[in-house]
PDB file of N, CA and C in Angstrom:
ATOM      1  N   MET A   1      -1.644  12.408 -10.944  1.00  0.00           N
ATOM      2  CA  MET A   1      -0.740  13.423 -11.427  1.00  0.00           C
ATOM      3  C   MET A   1       0.707  13.053 -11.074  1.00  0.00           C
ATOM      4  N   HIS A   2       0.886  12.494  -9.904  1.00  0.00           N
ATOM      5  CA  HIS A   2       2.224  12.102  -9.501  1.00  0.00           C
ATOM      6  C   HIS A   2       2.820  11.132 -10.515  1.00  0.00           C
ATOM      7  N   GLU A   3       2.058  10.127 -10.891  1.00  0.00           N
ATOM      8  CA  GLU A   3       2.551   9.146 -11.872  1.00  0.00           C
ATOM      9  C   GLU A   3       2.816   9.794 -13.228  1.00  0.00           C
ATOM     10  N   ASP A   4       1.946  10.676 -13.651  1.00  0.00           N
ATOM     11  CA  ASP A   4       2.072  11.304 -14.977  1.00  0.00           C
ATOM     12  C   ASP A   4       3.252  12.259 -15.068  1.00  0.00           C
ATOM     13  N   PHE A   5       3.594  12.909 -13.970  1.00  0.00           N
ATOM     14  CA  PHE A   5       4.581  13.985 -14.031  1.00  0.00           C
ATOM     15  C   PHE A   5       5.822  13.764 -13.183  1.00  0.00           C
ATOM     16  N   LYS A   6       5.963  12.593 -12.576  1.00  0.00           N
ATOM     17  CA  LYS A   6       7.075  12.399 -11.636  1.00  0.00           C
ATOM     18  C   LYS A   6       8.457  12.481 -12.284  1.00  0.00           C
ATOM     19  N   ASP A   7       8.543  12.322 -13.600  1.00  0.00           N
ATOM     20  CA  ASP A   7       9.825  12.466 -14.273  1.00  0.00           C
ATOM     21  C   ASP A   7      10.116  13.923 -14.651  1.00  0.00           C
ATOM     22  N   LYS A   8       9.141  14.791 -14.459  1.00  0.00           N
ATOM     23  CA  LYS A   8       9.286  16.203 -14.826  1.00  0.00           C
ATOM     24  C   LYS A   8       9.361  17.111 -13.592  1.00  0.00           C
ATOM     25  N   ALA A   9       8.654  16.723 -12.533  1.00  0.00           N
ATOM     26  CA  ALA A   9       8.601  17.527 -11.315  1.00  0.00           C
ATOM     27  C   ALA A   9       8.592  16.578 -10.124  1.00  0.00           C
ATOM     28  N   GLU A  10       9.138  17.047  -9.029  1.00  0.00           N
ATOM     29  CA  GLU A  10       9.190  16.229  -7.827  1.00  0.00           C
ATOM     30  C   GLU A  10       7.919  16.428  -7.010  1.00  0.00           C
ATOM     31  N   PHE A  11       7.327  15.333  -6.574  1.00  0.00           N
ATOM     32  CA  PHE A  11       6.158  15.371  -5.709  1.00  0.00           C
ATOM     33  C   PHE A  11       6.580  14.868  -4.337  1.00  0.00           C
ATOM     34  N   LEU A  12       6.184  15.589  -3.321  1.00  0.00           N
ATOM     35  CA  LEU A  12       6.541  15.226  -1.956  1.00  0.00           C
ATOM     36  C   LEU A  12       5.442  15.737  -1.031  1.00  0.00           C
ATOM     37  N   VAL A  13       4.935  14.871  -0.196  1.00  0.00           N
ATOM     38  CA  VAL A  13       3.994  15.286   0.841  1.00  0.00           C
ATOM     39  C   VAL A  13       4.813  15.641   2.071  1.00  0.00           C
ATOM     40  N   VAL A  14       4.545  16.810   2.626  1.00  0.00           N
ATOM     41  CA  VAL A  14       5.156  17.195   3.891  1.00  0.00           C
ATOM     42  C   VAL A  14       4.035  17.189   4.914  1.00  0.00           C
ATOM     43  N   TYR A  15       4.098  16.238   5.825  1.00  0.00           N
ATOM     44  CA  TYR A  15       3.066  16.129   6.852  1.00  0.00           C
ATOM     45  C   TYR A  15       3.361  17.171   7.924  1.00  0.00           C
ATOM     46  N   ILE A  16       2.424  18.107   8.108  1.00  0.00           N
ATOM     47  CA  ILE A  16       2.595  19.189   9.076  1.00  0.00           C
ATOM     48  C   ILE A  16       1.685  18.964  10.273  1.00  0.00           C
ATOM     49  N   LYS A  17       1.587  19.952  11.132  1.00  0.00           N
ATOM     50  CA  LYS A  17       0.731  19.839  12.319  1.00  0.00           C
ATOM     51  C   LYS A  17      -0.719  19.578  11.911  1.00  0.00           C
ATOM     52  N   GLU A  18      -1.461  19.004  12.850  1.00  0.00           N
ATOM     53  CA  GLU A  18      -2.871  18.738  12.615  1.00  0.00           C
ATOM     54  C   GLU A  18      -3.626  20.041  12.413  1.00  0.00           C
ATOM     55  N   ALA A  19      -4.391  20.116  11.342  1.00  0.00           N
ATOM     56  CA  ALA A  19      -5.157  21.328  11.058  1.00  0.00           C
ATOM     57  C   ALA A  19      -6.368  21.459  11.982  1.00  0.00           C
ATOM     58  N   HIS A  20      -6.995  20.332  12.316  1.00  0.00           N
ATOM     59  CA  HIS A  20      -8.220  20.360  13.113  1.00  0.00           C
ATOM     60  C   HIS A  20      -8.180  19.268  14.180  1.00  0.00           C
ATOM     61  N   PRO A  21      -7.274  19.386  15.138  1.00  0.00           N
ATOM     62  CA  PRO A  21      -7.196  18.354  16.175  1.00  0.00           C
ATOM     63  C   PRO A  21      -8.375  18.430  17.131  1.00  0.00           C
ATOM     64  N   GLU A  22      -8.702  17.301  17.728  1.00  0.00           N
ATOM     65  CA  GLU A  22      -9.849  17.250  18.633  1.00  0.00           C
ATOM     66  C   GLU A  22      -9.654  18.116  19.874  1.00  0.00           C
ATOM     67  N   ASP A  23      -8.415  18.400  20.244  1.00  0.00           N
ATOM     68  CA  ASP A  23      -8.166  19.208  21.426  1.00  0.00           C
ATOM     69  C   ASP A  23      -8.021  20.704  21.115  1.00  0.00           C
ATOM     70  N   GLU A  24      -8.289  21.085  19.859  1.00  0.00           N
ATOM     71  CA  GLU A  24      -8.235  22.498  19.480  1.00  0.00           C
ATOM     72  C   GLU A  24      -9.511  22.857  18.722  1.00  0.00           C
ATOM     73  N   TRP A  25      -9.507  22.690  17.412  1.00  0.00           N
ATOM     74  CA  TRP A  25     -10.642  23.084  16.588  1.00  0.00           C
ATOM     75  C   TRP A  25     -11.011  21.943  15.662  1.00  0.00           C
ATOM     76  N   GLN A  26     -12.079  21.261  15.955  1.00  0.00           N
ATOM     77  CA  GLN A  26     -12.485  20.068  15.213  1.00  0.00           C
ATOM     78  C   GLN A  26     -13.520  20.414  14.151  1.00  0.00           C
ATOM     79  N   MET A  27     -13.495  19.656  13.062  1.00  0.00           N
ATOM     80  CA  MET A  27     -14.493  19.802  11.996  1.00  0.00           C
ATOM     81  C   MET A  27     -15.263  18.496  11.863  1.00  0.00           C
ATOM     82  N   SER A  28     -16.523  18.606  11.526  1.00  0.00           N
ATOM     83  CA  SER A  28     -17.359  17.401  11.426  1.00  0.00           C
ATOM     84  C   SER A  28     -16.883  16.470  10.322  1.00  0.00           C
ATOM     85  N   VAL A  29     -16.284  16.995   9.251  1.00  0.00           N
ATOM     86  CA  VAL A  29     -15.796  16.140   8.171  1.00  0.00           C
ATOM     87  C   VAL A  29     -14.706  15.187   8.690  1.00  0.00           C
ATOM     88  N   ASN A  30     -13.907  15.631   9.635  1.00  0.00           N
ATOM     89  CA  ASN A  30     -12.893  14.757  10.224  1.00  0.00           C
ATOM     90  C   ASN A  30     -13.542  13.587  10.946  1.00  0.00           C
ATOM     91  N   GLU A  31     -14.613  13.895  11.677  1.00  0.00           N
ATOM     92  CA  GLU A  31     -15.337  12.840  12.379  1.00  0.00           C
ATOM     93  C   GLU A  31     -15.942  11.851  11.389  1.00  0.00           C
ATOM     94  N   LYS A  32     -16.532  12.349  10.300  1.00  0.00           N
ATOM     95  CA  LYS A  32     -17.122  11.476   9.280  1.00  0.00           C
ATOM     96  C   LYS A  32     -16.070  10.584   8.639  1.00  0.00           C
ATOM     97  N   GLN A  33     -14.849  11.120   8.436  1.00  0.00           N
ATOM     98  CA  GLN A  33     -13.775  10.358   7.800  1.00  0.00           C
ATOM     99  C   GLN A  33     -12.997   9.499   8.796  1.00  0.00           C
ATOM    100  N   GLY A  34     -13.285   9.665  10.070  1.00  0.00           N
ATOM    101  CA  GLY A  34     -12.585   8.881  11.091  1.00  0.00           C
ATOM    102  C   GLY A  34     -11.138   9.303  11.276  1.00  0.00           C
ATOM    103  N   VAL A  35     -10.875  10.581  11.142  1.00  0.00           N
ATOM    104  CA  VAL A  35      -9.508  11.086  11.294  1.00  0.00           C
ATOM    105  C   VAL A  35      -9.469  12.163  12.390  1.00  0.00           C
ATOM    106  N   VAL A  36      -9.855  11.756  13.582  1.00  0.00           N
ATOM    107  CA  VAL A  36      -9.878  12.669  14.725  1.00  0.00           C
ATOM    108  C   VAL A  36      -8.706  12.316  15.636  1.00  0.00           C
ATOM    109  N   PHE A  37      -7.779  13.269  15.779  1.00  0.00           N
ATOM    110  CA  PHE A  37      -6.588  13.059  16.595  1.00  0.00           C
ATOM    111  C   PHE A  37      -6.333  14.280  17.458  1.00  0.00           C
ATOM    112  N   ARG A  38      -5.650  14.064  18.564  1.00  0.00           N
ATOM    113  CA  ARG A  38      -5.165  15.179  19.369  1.00  0.00           C
ATOM    114  C   ARG A  38      -3.939  15.747  18.669  1.00  0.00           C
ATOM    115  N   GLN A  39      -3.621  17.004  18.942  1.00  0.00           N
ATOM    116  CA  GLN A  39      -2.418  17.610  18.383  1.00  0.00           C
ATOM    117  C   GLN A  39      -1.198  16.880  18.956  1.00  0.00           C
ATOM    118  N   PRO A  40      -0.363  16.292  18.106  1.00  0.00           N
ATOM    119  CA  PRO A  40       0.815  15.582  18.615  1.00  0.00           C
ATOM    120  C   PRO A  40       1.743  16.521  19.383  1.00  0.00           C
ATOM    121  N   THR A  41       2.367  15.999  20.416  1.00  0.00           N
ATOM    122  CA  THR A  41       3.335  16.789  21.184  1.00  0.00           C
ATOM    123  C   THR A  41       4.756  16.251  21.048  1.00  0.00           C
ATOM    124  N   THR A  42       4.898  15.115  20.355  1.00  0.00           N
ATOM    125  CA  THR A  42       6.235  14.547  20.119  1.00  0.00           C
ATOM    126  C   THR A  42       6.329  14.103  18.665  1.00  0.00           C
ATOM    127  N   MET A  43       7.548  13.948  18.178  1.00  0.00           N
ATOM    128  CA  MET A  43       7.742  13.450  16.814  1.00  0.00           C
ATOM    129  C   MET A  43       7.194  12.034  16.661  1.00  0.00           C
ATOM    130  N   THR A  44       7.297  11.230  17.697  1.00  0.00           N
ATOM    131  CA  THR A  44       6.765   9.868  17.633  1.00  0.00           C
ATOM    132  C   THR A  44       5.261   9.912  17.380  1.00  0.00           C
ATOM    133  N   GLU A  45       4.541  10.767  18.111  1.00  0.00           N
ATOM    134  CA  GLU A  45       3.098  10.890  17.914  1.00  0.00           C
ATOM    135  C   GLU A  45       2.784  11.423  16.525  1.00  0.00           C
ATOM    136  N   ARG A  46       3.510  12.429  16.064  1.00  0.00           N
ATOM    137  CA  ARG A  46       3.272  12.992  14.735  1.00  0.00           C
ATOM    138  C   ARG A  46       3.526  11.939  13.658  1.00  0.00           C
ATOM    139  N   ARG A  47       4.582  11.164  13.826  1.00  0.00           N
ATOM    140  CA  ARG A  47       4.912  10.105  12.866  1.00  0.00           C
ATOM    141  C   ARG A  47       3.814   9.040  12.829  1.00  0.00           C
ATOM    142  N   GLU A  48       3.298   8.664  13.990  1.00  0.00           N
ATOM    143  CA  GLU A  48       2.230   7.651  14.064  1.00  0.00           C
ATOM    144  C   GLU A  48       0.979   8.135  13.328  1.00  0.00           C
ATOM    145  N   ILE A  49       0.591   9.383  13.564  1.00  0.00           N
ATOM    146  CA  ILE A  49      -0.597   9.921  12.908  1.00  0.00           C
ATOM    147  C   ILE A  49      -0.358  10.050  11.402  1.00  0.00           C
ATOM    148  N   ALA A  50       0.809  10.507  11.021  1.00  0.00           N
ATOM    149  CA  ALA A  50       1.136  10.626   9.589  1.00  0.00           C
ATOM    150  C   ALA A  50       1.006   9.266   8.907  1.00  0.00           C
ATOM    151  N   ASN A  51       1.539   8.229   9.532  1.00  0.00           N
ATOM    152  CA  ASN A  51       1.461   6.890   8.942  1.00  0.00           C
ATOM    153  C   ASN A  51       0.021   6.400   8.847  1.00  0.00           C
ATOM    154  N   LEU A  52      -0.802   6.693   9.846  1.00  0.00           N
ATOM    155  CA  LEU A  52      -2.221   6.331   9.786  1.00  0.00           C
ATOM    156  C   LEU A  52      -2.911   7.042   8.617  1.00  0.00           C
ATOM    157  N   MET A  53      -2.617   8.318   8.441  1.00  0.00           N
ATOM    158  CA  MET A  53      -3.230   9.091   7.348  1.00  0.00           C
ATOM    159  C   MET A  53      -2.783   8.558   5.989  1.00  0.00           C
ATOM    160  N   LEU A  54      -1.514   8.254   5.846  1.00  0.00           N
ATOM    161  CA  LEU A  54      -1.008   7.722   4.580  1.00  0.00           C
ATOM    162  C   LEU A  54      -1.713   6.425   4.230  1.00  0.00           C
ATOM    163  N   ASP A  55      -1.868   5.564   5.219  1.00  0.00           N
ATOM    164  CA  ASP A  55      -2.559   4.283   4.989  1.00  0.00           C
ATOM    165  C   ASP A  55      -4.034   4.500   4.692  1.00  0.00           C
ATOM    166  N   LYS A  56      -4.699   5.307   5.488  1.00  0.00           N
ATOM    167  CA  LYS A  56      -6.144   5.512   5.330  1.00  0.00           C
ATOM    168  C   LYS A  56      -6.491   6.074   3.954  1.00  0.00           C
ATOM    169  N   PHE A  57      -5.697   7.022   3.470  1.00  0.00           N
ATOM    170  CA  PHE A  57      -5.994   7.667   2.200  1.00  0.00           C
ATOM    171  C   PHE A  57      -5.151   7.124   1.051  1.00  0.00           C
ATOM    172  N   ASP A  58      -4.436   6.015   1.303  1.00  0.00           N
ATOM    173  CA  ASP A  58      -3.663   5.295   0.282  1.00  0.00           C
ATOM    174  C   ASP A  58      -2.740   6.253  -0.498  1.00  0.00           C
ATOM    175  N   ILE A  59      -2.014   7.084   0.228  1.00  0.00           N
ATOM    176  CA  ILE A  59      -1.112   8.055  -0.398  1.00  0.00           C
ATOM    177  C   ILE A  59       0.183   7.363  -0.775  1.00  0.00           C
ATOM    178  N   LYS A  60       0.526   7.427  -2.049  1.00  0.00           N
ATOM    179  CA  LYS A  60       1.718   6.757  -2.587  1.00  0.00           C
ATOM    180  C   LYS A  60       2.868   7.719  -2.859  1.00  0.00           C
ATOM    181  N   ILE A  61       2.627   9.006  -2.667  1.00  0.00           N
ATOM    182  CA  ILE A  61       3.650  10.010  -2.934  1.00  0.00           C
ATOM    183  C   ILE A  61       4.669   9.985  -1.787  1.00  0.00           C
ATOM    184  N   PRO A  62       5.961  10.109  -2.098  1.00  0.00           N
ATOM    185  CA  PRO A  62       6.955  10.149  -1.012  1.00  0.00           C
ATOM    186  C   PRO A  62       6.567  11.219   0.022  1.00  0.00           C
ATOM    187  N   THR A  63       6.755  10.885   1.296  1.00  0.00           N
ATOM    188  CA  THR A  63       6.298  11.743   2.382  1.00  0.00           C
ATOM    189  C   THR A  63       7.402  11.956   3.410  1.00  0.00           C
ATOM    190  N   VAL A  64       7.489  13.183   3.896  1.00  0.00           N
ATOM    191  CA  VAL A  64       8.369  13.525   5.012  1.00  0.00           C
ATOM    192  C   VAL A  64       7.513  14.199   6.073  1.00  0.00           C
ATOM    193  N   ILE A  65       8.052  14.327   7.263  1.00  0.00           N
ATOM    194  CA  ILE A  65       7.295  14.892   8.369  1.00  0.00           C
ATOM    195  C   ILE A  65       7.997  16.143   8.875  1.00  0.00           C
ATOM    196  N   ASP A  66       7.231  17.229   8.985  1.00  0.00           N
ATOM    197  CA  ASP A  66       7.767  18.494   9.490  1.00  0.00           C
ATOM    198  C   ASP A  66       8.232  18.325  10.929  1.00  0.00           C
ATOM    199  N   LYS A  67       9.205  19.125  11.325  1.00  0.00           N
ATOM    200  CA  LYS A  67       9.687  19.113  12.706  1.00  0.00           C
ATOM    201  C   LYS A  67       8.597  19.628  13.644  1.00  0.00           C
ATOM    202  N   MET A  68       8.762  19.359  14.918  1.00  0.00           N
ATOM    203  CA  MET A  68       7.766  19.789  15.908  1.00  0.00           C
ATOM    204  C   MET A  68       7.701  21.304  16.035  1.00  0.00           C
ATOM    205  N   ASP A  69       8.737  22.021  15.601  1.00  0.00           N
ATOM    206  CA  ASP A  69       8.668  23.484  15.635  1.00  0.00           C
ATOM    207  C   ASP A  69       7.984  24.038  14.383  1.00  0.00           C
ATOM    208  N   ASN A  70       7.522  23.129  13.499  1.00  0.00           N
ATOM    209  CA  ASN A  70       6.732  23.472  12.317  1.00  0.00           C
ATOM    210  C   ASN A  70       7.472  24.396  11.348  1.00  0.00           C
ATOM    211  N   THR A  71       8.763  24.164  11.185  1.00  0.00           N
ATOM    212  CA  THR A  71       9.608  24.973  10.322  1.00  0.00           C
ATOM    213  C   THR A  71       9.091  25.020   8.879  1.00  0.00           C
ATOM    214  N   CYS A  72       8.784  23.877   8.335  1.00  0.00           N
ATOM    215  CA  CYS A  72       8.322  23.812   6.944  1.00  0.00           C
ATOM    216  C   CYS A  72       6.961  24.479   6.788  1.00  0.00           C
ATOM    217  N   GLU A  73       6.062  24.178   7.693  1.00  0.00           N
ATOM    218  CA  GLU A  73       4.720  24.777   7.630  1.00  0.00           C
ATOM    219  C   GLU A  73       4.815  26.296   7.642  1.00  0.00           C
ATOM    220  N   ALA A  74       5.662  26.840   8.510  1.00  0.00           N
ATOM    221  CA  ALA A  74       5.799  28.292   8.605  1.00  0.00           C
ATOM    222  C   ALA A  74       6.490  28.861   7.364  1.00  0.00           C
ATOM    223  N   GLY A  75       7.532  28.209   6.911  1.00  0.00           N
ATOM    224  CA  GLY A  75       8.302  28.704   5.770  1.00  0.00           C
ATOM    225  C   GLY A  75       7.549  28.696   4.458  1.00  0.00           C
ATOM    226  N   TYR A  76       6.625  27.753   4.311  1.00  0.00           N
ATOM    227  CA  TYR A  76       5.872  27.636   3.055  1.00  0.00           C
ATOM    228  C   TYR A  76       4.404  28.021   3.208  1.00  0.00           C
ATOM    229  N   ALA A  77       4.019  28.544   4.358  1.00  0.00           N
ATOM    230  CA  ALA A  77       2.623  28.909   4.600  1.00  0.00           C
ATOM    231  C   ALA A  77       1.711  27.748   4.214  1.00  0.00           C
ATOM    232  N   ALA A  78       2.002  26.595   4.780  1.00  0.00           N
ATOM    233  CA  ALA A  78       1.369  25.352   4.352  1.00  0.00           C
ATOM    234  C   ALA A  78       0.100  24.977   5.115  1.00  0.00           C
ATOM    235  N   TRP A  79      -0.266  25.704   6.126  1.00  0.00           N
ATOM    236  CA  TRP A  79      -1.439  25.319   6.907  1.00  0.00           C
ATOM    237  C   TRP A  79      -2.697  25.839   6.268  1.00  0.00           C
ATOM    238  N   PRO A  80      -3.799  25.124   6.164  1.00  0.00           N
ATOM    239  CA  PRO A  80      -3.939  23.739   6.569  1.00  0.00           C
ATOM    240  C   PRO A  80      -3.374  22.768   5.538  1.00  0.00           C
ATOM    241  N   GLU A  81      -3.299  23.202   4.288  1.00  0.00           N
ATOM    242  CA  GLU A  81      -2.637  22.404   3.248  1.00  0.00           C
ATOM    243  C   GLU A  81      -2.367  23.313   2.068  1.00  0.00           C
ATOM    244  N   ARG A  82      -1.356  22.969   1.319  1.00  0.00           N
ATOM    245  CA  ARG A  82      -0.985  23.778   0.171  1.00  0.00           C
ATOM    246  C   ARG A  82      -0.109  22.930  -0.732  1.00  0.00           C
ATOM    247  N   TYR A  83      -0.131  23.215  -2.019  1.00  0.00           N
ATOM    248  CA  TYR A  83       0.757  22.470  -2.907  1.00  0.00           C
ATOM    249  C   TYR A  83       1.711  23.430  -3.609  1.00  0.00           C
ATOM    250  N   TYR A  84       2.890  22.897  -3.857  1.00  0.00           N
ATOM    251  CA  TYR A  84       3.922  23.596  -4.608  1.00  0.00           C
ATOM    252  C   TYR A  84       4.431  22.646  -5.683  1.00  0.00           C
ATOM    253  N   VAL A  85       4.889  23.200  -6.782  1.00  0.00           N
ATOM    254  CA  VAL A  85       5.609  22.415  -7.786  1.00  0.00           C
ATOM    255  C   VAL A  85       7.065  22.831  -7.656  1.00  0.00           C
ATOM    256  N   VAL A  86       7.920  21.853  -7.402  1.00  0.00           N
ATOM    257  CA  VAL A  86       9.356  22.087  -7.322  1.00  0.00           C
ATOM    258  C   VAL A  86       9.969  21.393  -8.529  1.00  0.00           C
ATOM    259  N   ASP A  87      10.650  22.165  -9.383  1.00  0.00           N
ATOM    260  CA  ASP A  87      11.215  21.545 -10.580  1.00  0.00           C
ATOM    261  C   ASP A  87      12.451  20.723 -10.236  1.00  0.00           C
ATOM    262  N   LEU A  88      12.981  20.027 -11.209  1.00  0.00           N
ATOM    263  CA  LEU A  88      14.094  19.117 -10.953  1.00  0.00           C
ATOM    264  C   LEU A  88      15.386  19.847 -10.578  1.00  0.00           C
ATOM    265  N   GLU A  89      15.427  21.159 -10.766  1.00  0.00           N
ATOM    266  CA  GLU A  89      16.570  21.953 -10.307  1.00  0.00           C
ATOM    267  C   GLU A  89      16.379  22.423  -8.860  1.00  0.00           C
ATOM    268  N   GLY A  90      15.237  22.061  -8.256  1.00  0.00           N
ATOM    269  CA  GLY A  90      14.966  22.416  -6.872  1.00  0.00           C
ATOM    270  C   GLY A  90      14.337  23.781  -6.692  1.00  0.00           C
ATOM    271  N   LYS A  91      13.867  24.390  -7.766  1.00  0.00           N
ATOM    272  CA  LYS A  91      13.238  25.704  -7.688  1.00  0.00           C
ATOM    273  C   LYS A  91      11.719  25.566  -7.644  1.00  0.00           C
ATOM    274  N   ILE A  92      11.078  26.457  -6.889  1.00  0.00           N
ATOM    275  CA  ILE A  92       9.613  26.449  -6.837  1.00  0.00           C
ATOM    276  C   ILE A  92       9.111  26.995  -8.165  1.00  0.00           C
ATOM    277  N   ALA A  93       8.403  26.144  -8.889  1.00  0.00           N
ATOM    278  CA  ALA A  93       7.883  26.518 -10.204  1.00  0.00           C
ATOM    279  C   ALA A  93       6.443  27.021 -10.128  1.00  0.00           C
ATOM    280  N   HIS A  94       5.731  26.617  -9.079  1.00  0.00           N
ATOM    281  CA  HIS A  94       4.328  27.009  -8.956  1.00  0.00           C
ATOM    282  C   HIS A  94       3.901  26.858  -7.505  1.00  0.00           C
ATOM    283  N   LYS A  95       3.126  27.804  -7.007  1.00  0.00           N
ATOM    284  CA  LYS A  95       2.618  27.764  -5.638  1.00  0.00           C
ATOM    285  C   LYS A  95       1.104  27.848  -5.692  1.00  0.00           C
ATOM    286  N   GLY A  96       0.427  26.833  -5.145  1.00  0.00           N
ATOM    287  CA  GLY A  96      -1.024  26.849  -5.082  1.00  0.00           C
ATOM    288  C   GLY A  96      -1.507  27.720  -3.941  1.00  0.00           C
ATOM    289  N   LYS A  97      -2.777  27.955  -3.924  1.00  0.00           N
ATOM    290  CA  LYS A  97      -3.388  28.740  -2.851  1.00  0.00           C
ATOM    291  C   LYS A  97      -3.662  27.832  -1.655  1.00  0.00           C
ATOM    292  N   PRO A  98      -3.804  28.413  -0.468  1.00  0.00           N
ATOM    293  CA  PRO A  98      -4.072  27.589   0.716  1.00  0.00           C
ATOM    294  C   PRO A  98      -5.317  26.731   0.512  1.00  0.00           C
ATOM    295  N   GLY A  99      -5.264  25.524   1.018  1.00  0.00           N
ATOM    296  CA  GLY A  99      -6.359  24.585   0.856  1.00  0.00           C
ATOM    297  C   GLY A  99      -7.239  24.536   2.083  1.00  0.00           C
ATOM    298  N   PRO A 100      -8.203  23.678   2.030  1.00  0.00           N
ATOM    299  CA  PRO A 100      -8.455  22.782   0.911  1.00  0.00           C
ATOM    300  C   PRO A 100      -9.087  23.459  -0.299  1.00  0.00           C
ATOM    301  N   GLY A 101      -9.699  24.612  -0.107  1.00  0.00           N
ATOM    302  CA  GLY A 101     -10.355  25.292  -1.219  1.00  0.00           C
ATOM    303  C   GLY A 101      -9.405  25.749  -2.313  1.00  0.00           C
ATOM    304  N   GLY A 102      -8.137  25.946  -1.978  1.00  0.00           N
ATOM    305  CA  GLY A 102      -7.168  26.412  -2.960  1.00  0.00           C
ATOM    306  C   GLY A 102      -6.642  25.327  -3.876  1.00  0.00           C
ATOM    307  N   PHE A 103      -6.910  24.070  -3.532  1.00  0.00           N
ATOM    308  CA  PHE A 103      -6.441  22.969  -4.380  1.00  0.00           C
ATOM    309  C   PHE A 103      -7.494  22.676  -5.430  1.00  0.00           C
ATOM    310  N   ARG A 104      -7.149  22.961  -6.664  1.00  0.00           N
ATOM    311  CA  ARG A 104      -8.041  22.726  -7.795  1.00  0.00           C
ATOM    312  C   ARG A 104      -7.349  21.760  -8.747  1.00  0.00           C
ATOM    313  N   PRO A 105      -7.639  20.455  -8.626  1.00  0.00           N
ATOM    314  CA  PRO A 105      -6.921  19.446  -9.399  1.00  0.00           C
ATOM    315  C   PRO A 105      -6.921  19.663 -10.912  1.00  0.00           C
ATOM    316  N   LYS A 106      -8.047  20.071 -11.483  1.00  0.00           N
ATOM    317  CA  LYS A 106      -8.087  20.264 -12.943  1.00  0.00           C
ATOM    318  C   LYS A 106      -7.155  21.398 -13.357  1.00  0.00           C
ATOM    319  N   ALA A 107      -7.168  22.481 -12.626  1.00  0.00           N
ATOM    320  CA  ALA A 107      -6.282  23.605 -12.943  1.00  0.00           C
ATOM    321  C   ALA A 107      -4.819  23.214 -12.708  1.00  0.00           C
ATOM    322  N   PHE A 108      -4.575  22.441 -11.672  1.00  0.00           N
ATOM    323  CA  PHE A 108      -3.210  21.991 -11.374  1.00  0.00           C
ATOM    324  C   PHE A 108      -2.700  21.090 -12.500  1.00  0.00           C
ATOM    325  N   ARG A 109      -3.538  20.153 -12.931  1.00  0.00           N
ATOM    326  CA  ARG A 109      -3.138  19.270 -14.035  1.00  0.00           C
ATOM    327  C   ARG A 109      -2.895  20.080 -15.310  1.00  0.00           C
ATOM    328  N   ARG A 110      -3.761  21.045 -15.585  1.00  0.00           N
ATOM    329  CA  ARG A 110      -3.588  21.898 -16.766  1.00  0.00           C
ATOM    330  C   ARG A 110      -2.252  22.642 -16.691  1.00  0.00           C
ATOM    331  N   TYR A 111      -1.924  23.182 -15.516  1.00  0.00           N
ATOM    332  CA  TYR A 111      -0.652  23.863 -15.326  1.00  0.00           C
ATOM    333  C   TYR A 111       0.516  22.916 -15.613  1.00  0.00           C
ATOM    334  N   LEU A 112       0.475  21.731 -15.024  1.00  0.00           N
ATOM    335  CA  LEU A 112       1.560  20.772 -15.232  1.00  0.00           C
ATOM    336  C   LEU A 112       1.692  20.370 -16.696  1.00  0.00           C
ATOM    337  N   THR A 113       0.565  20.161 -17.347  1.00  0.00           N
ATOM    338  CA  THR A 113       0.577  19.779 -18.763  1.00  0.00           C
ATOM    339  C   THR A 113       1.190  20.886 -19.611  1.00  0.00           C
ATOM    340  N   GLU A 114       0.782  22.112 -19.367  1.00  0.00           N
ATOM    341  CA  GLU A 114       1.335  23.233 -20.135  1.00  0.00           C
ATOM    342  C   GLU A 114       2.808  23.442 -19.826  1.00  0.00           C
ATOM    343  N   ARG A 115       3.171  23.366 -18.567  1.00  0.00           N
ATOM    344  CA  ARG A 115       4.560  23.611 -18.147  1.00  0.00           C
ATOM    345  C   ARG A 115       5.501  22.528 -18.641  1.00  0.00           C
ATOM    346  N   TYR A 116       5.054  21.281 -18.576  1.00  0.00           N
ATOM    347  CA  TYR A 116       5.954  20.162 -18.869  1.00  0.00           C
ATOM    348  C   TYR A 116       5.593  19.395 -20.133  1.00  0.00           C
ATOM    349  N   ALA A 117       4.630  19.894 -20.887  1.00  0.00           N
ATOM    350  CA  ALA A 117       4.250  19.316 -22.180  1.00  0.00           C
ATOM    351  C   ALA A 117       4.039  17.815 -22.117  1.00  0.00           C
ATOM    352  N   VAL A 118       3.246  17.380 -21.135  1.00  0.00           N
ATOM    353  CA  VAL A 118       2.896  15.970 -20.959  1.00  0.00           C
ATOM    354  C   VAL A 118       1.392  15.865 -21.152  1.00  0.00           C
ATOM    355  N   GLN A 119       0.943  14.888 -21.878  1.00  0.00           N
ATOM    356  CA  GLN A 119      -0.502  14.696 -22.130  1.00  0.00           C
ATOM    357  C   GLN A 119      -1.080  13.692 -21.176  1.00  0.00           C
TER     358      GLN A 119
END
């Protein structure tokens, strides 16, 4: 979707705090995927984990990292994950439901296609 719509809408991954760190609340799917980390306590640690995740899941979308006070996560209700469409004027055009269950790729693609008339 990023490749198909990047000229119509901006895509950006904002890496926020760990949703299921091993020192808080762990999920078995994290263990299966090999993505078990402690909750970072410094920006250096958060940056290291973010880079590991980007590499592991081959994420090509531009990525930024939330501050340690989790300003972005709190402001956008982004935990554990959420997607927004920000149009080229910088306005939020669409807000998805909290994930992972709230992320529905087919519905998201349909929305983008209808909104931006791209096939």
